[in-house]
């Protein structure tokens, strides 16, 4: 039987609502979680907030992108708007 191998982002989504130690999750994985918001919007919201805390330069562009996404959940869009309003 072949063992299933998940990326860190997929593993976080799969195990949610259990959460990882967010400080140990790479920025690259956080970005993947935001971009894959459809799979788990709650993880995307947390990931976006983690990027903001880290002052990642992609946080605001990702927030703008999310606000334009038709299928982004309302709470995720609200978090994105909050990030942009804080500037």
Protein backbone atom coordinates (compact mmCIF):
# COMPACT_ATOMS: atom_id res chain seq x y z
CA UNK A 1 0.00 0.00 0.00
CA UNK A 2 1.36 3.40 -0.98
CA UNK A 3 1.76 5.91 1.84
CA UNK A 4 0.02 9.24 1.36
CA UNK A 5 2.39 12.17 1.56
CA UNK A 6 0.95 15.61 2.23
CA UNK A 7 2.59 19.00 1.97
CA UNK A 8 2.78 20.93 5.23
CA UNK A 9 -0.09 23.18 4.05
CA UNK A 10 -2.28 20.18 3.19
CA UNK A 11 -1.46 18.54 6.51
CA UNK A 12 -2.46 21.71 8.40
CA UNK A 13 -5.74 21.88 6.45
CA UNK A 14 -6.43 18.19 6.96
CA UNK A 15 -5.83 18.29 10.72
CA UNK A 16 -7.74 21.53 11.33
CA UNK A 17 -9.21 22.44 13.87
CA UNK A 18 -6.06 21.08 15.50
CA UNK A 19 -3.46 23.75 14.92
CA UNK A 20 0.30 23.59 14.53
CA UNK A 21 2.78 25.76 16.40
CA UNK A 22 2.25 28.64 13.97
CA UNK A 23 5.66 30.18 14.73
CA UNK A 24 7.31 27.07 13.26
CA UNK A 25 5.31 27.23 9.99
CA UNK A 26 7.30 28.79 7.16
CA UNK A 27 6.15 31.93 5.40
CA UNK A 28 5.97 29.93 2.16
CA UNK A 29 3.51 27.49 3.73
CA UNK A 30 1.45 30.37 5.14
CA UNK A 31 1.24 31.90 1.66
CA UNK A 32 0.06 28.56 0.24
CA UNK A 33 -2.63 28.38 2.94
CA UNK A 34 -3.87 31.85 2.04
CA UNK A 35 -3.89 31.13 -1.69
CA UNK A 36 -5.72 27.84 -1.10
CA UNK A 37 -8.42 29.53 0.99
CA UNK A 38 -11.15 27.43 -0.64
CA UNK A 39 -9.87 24.25 1.01
CA UNK A 40 -9.97 25.68 4.54
CA UNK A 41 -10.91 29.36 4.97
CA UNK A 42 -10.15 29.31 8.71
CA UNK A 43 -6.57 28.21 8.07
CA UNK A 44 -6.25 30.94 5.43
CA UNK A 45 -7.43 33.56 7.91
CA UNK A 46 -4.94 32.42 10.55
CA UNK A 47 -2.16 32.25 7.96
CA UNK A 48 -2.87 35.78 6.76
CA UNK A 49 -2.74 37.08 10.34
CA UNK A 50 0.53 35.21 10.94
CA UNK A 51 2.04 36.83 7.85
CA UNK A 52 0.95 40.23 9.17
CA UNK A 53 2.59 39.55 12.56
CA UNK A 54 5.80 38.65 10.76
CA UNK A 55 5.68 41.81 8.64
CA UNK A 56 5.87 39.71 5.49
CA UNK A 57 5.88 42.05 2.46
CA UNK A 58 3.31 39.87 0.65
CA UNK A 59 0.66 40.36 3.34
CA UNK A 60 -0.97 43.46 1.84
CA UNK A 61 -0.90 42.21 -1.77
CA UNK A 62 -2.50 38.95 -0.59
CA UNK A 63 -5.13 40.90 1.36
CA UNK A 64 -5.97 42.98 -1.74
CA UNK A 65 -6.17 39.82 -3.83
CA UNK A 66 -8.52 38.15 -1.33
CA UNK A 67 -10.88 41.12 -1.38
CA UNK A 68 -11.24 40.63 -5.13
CA UNK A 69 -11.82 36.89 -4.90
CA UNK A 70 -15.47 36.05 -5.51
CA UNK A 71 -15.46 32.86 -3.42
CA UNK A 72 -13.44 34.06 -0.44
CA UNK A 73 -15.39 33.67 2.78
CA UNK A 74 -16.72 36.82 4.47
CA UNK A 75 -14.56 36.38 7.61
CA UNK A 76 -11.44 35.98 5.52
CA UNK A 77 -12.32 39.11 3.57
CA UNK A 78 -12.97 40.96 6.82
CA UNK A 79 -9.51 39.98 8.08
CA UNK A 80 -7.99 41.09 4.80
CA UNK A 81 -9.77 44.44 5.04
CA UNK A 82 -8.62 44.88 8.65
CA UNK A 83 -5.02 44.35 7.55
CA UNK A 84 -5.35 46.98 4.85
CA UNK A 85 -7.10 49.42 7.21
CA UNK A 86 -4.25 49.18 9.73
CA UNK A 87 -1.85 50.89 7.31
